[in-house]
Protein backbone atom coordinates (compact mmCIF):
# COMPACT_ATOMS: atom_id res chain seq x y z
CA UNK A 1 -34.18 1.91 -14.28
CA UNK A 2 -32.45 0.67 -11.26
CA UNK A 3 -31.58 3.05 -8.32
CA UNK A 4 -28.66 1.75 -6.14
CA UNK A 5 -26.85 3.38 -2.97
CA UNK A 6 -23.26 2.70 -3.95
CA UNK A 7 -20.14 4.08 -1.95
CA UNK A 8 -17.72 2.41 -4.36
CA UNK A 9 -16.24 5.15 -6.72
CA UNK A 10 -15.20 2.51 -9.33
CA UNK A 11 -18.75 1.57 -9.63
CA UNK A 12 -20.06 5.23 -9.48
CA UNK A 13 -17.65 6.17 -12.38
CA UNK A 14 -19.11 3.57 -14.68
CA UNK A 15 -22.79 4.69 -14.30
CA UNK A 16 -24.78 6.16 -17.01
CA UNK A 17 -26.40 8.40 -14.20
CA UNK A 18 -26.00 9.41 -10.45
CA UNK A 19 -28.13 11.23 -7.75
CA UNK A 20 -25.87 12.54 -5.28
CA UNK A 21 -27.68 13.05 -1.88
CA UNK A 22 -25.93 15.29 -0.09
CA UNK A 23 -24.62 15.68 3.28
CA UNK A 24 -27.11 14.61 5.91
CA UNK A 25 -28.43 12.02 3.89
CA UNK A 26 -29.76 8.59 5.76
CA UNK A 27 -31.30 9.28 8.74
CA UNK A 28 -31.56 12.81 8.35
CA UNK A 29 -32.61 12.61 4.82
CA UNK A 30 -30.56 14.87 2.85
CA UNK A 31 -30.68 16.84 -0.26
CA UNK A 32 -30.73 16.25 -3.68
CA UNK A 33 -27.07 17.93 -4.82
CA UNK A 34 -27.08 16.81 -8.34
CA UNK A 35 -28.73 14.27 -10.63
CA UNK A 36 -27.12 13.64 -14.19
CA UNK A 37 -24.14 12.12 -15.95
CA UNK A 38 -21.05 11.66 -13.99
CA UNK A 39 -18.70 14.35 -15.10
CA UNK A 40 -21.39 16.67 -14.28
CA UNK A 41 -20.96 16.38 -10.60
CA UNK A 42 -17.55 17.76 -10.83
CA UNK A 43 -18.96 21.10 -11.05
CA UNK A 44 -21.03 20.80 -7.56
CA UNK A 45 -18.90 22.30 -4.82
CA UNK A 46 -20.88 21.02 -1.79
CA UNK A 47 -20.56 17.40 -2.75
CA UNK A 48 -18.74 14.88 -0.60
CA UNK A 49 -18.82 12.37 -3.17
CA UNK A 50 -17.11 14.83 -5.58
CA UNK A 51 -14.06 15.15 -3.42
CA UNK A 52 -13.69 10.87 -3.87
CA UNK A 53 -14.90 10.68 -7.52
CA UNK A 54 -12.49 13.40 -8.82
CA UNK A 55 -9.82 13.05 -6.47
CA UNK A 56 -6.11 13.90 -7.76
CA UNK A 57 -3.60 11.05 -7.17
CA UNK A 58 -3.43 7.33 -6.79
CA UNK A 59 -5.88 5.61 -4.86
CA UNK A 60 -4.66 4.57 -1.12
CA UNK A 61 -4.17 0.33 -1.88
CA UNK A 62 -6.46 -1.69 0.19
CA UNK A 63 -5.69 -5.59 0.78
CA UNK A 64 -9.36 -7.53 0.50
CA UNK A 65 -10.41 -9.62 3.41
CA UNK A 66 -11.30 -13.44 2.89
CA UNK A 67 -14.64 -14.16 3.64
CA UNK A 68 -14.94 -16.09 6.82
CA UNK A 69 -18.86 -17.23 6.43
CA UNK A 70 -22.16 -16.12 5.40
CA UNK A 71 -24.53 -14.21 7.08
CA UNK A 72 -28.37 -14.49 6.74
CA UNK A 73 -30.42 -11.89 7.33
CA UNK A 74 -34.61 -11.87 7.95
CA UNK A 75 -37.28 -9.78 9.25
CA UNK A 76 -35.28 -6.81 9.01
CA UNK A 77 -37.42 -3.65 9.77
CA UNK A 78 -35.17 -0.39 10.16
CA UNK A 79 -35.69 3.18 8.85
CA UNK A 80 -36.84 2.50 5.36
CA UNK A 81 -36.63 -1.26 5.31
CA UNK A 82 -39.93 -3.34 6.19
CA UNK A 83 -39.70 -6.97 6.91
CA UNK A 84 -36.68 -7.47 4.56
CA UNK A 85 -35.16 -11.10 4.09
């Protein structure tokens, strides 16, 4: 198993199983609103993710930016990260 925090809806749509940690996630902890196959999230009204995942209409076109370099981070400690390189 692999647990990934993902905000790209195209990636989420391809997942076998999702866990939606609802409003207030992150610093505030949040609450698990849903855990199961992607299609089941359509029934969870309070989910913000549901609105983006099952949105009607075409996606808004976005132009990808060209990377301008590499950023290396070392010894990151913040919230639940402890000395991450």
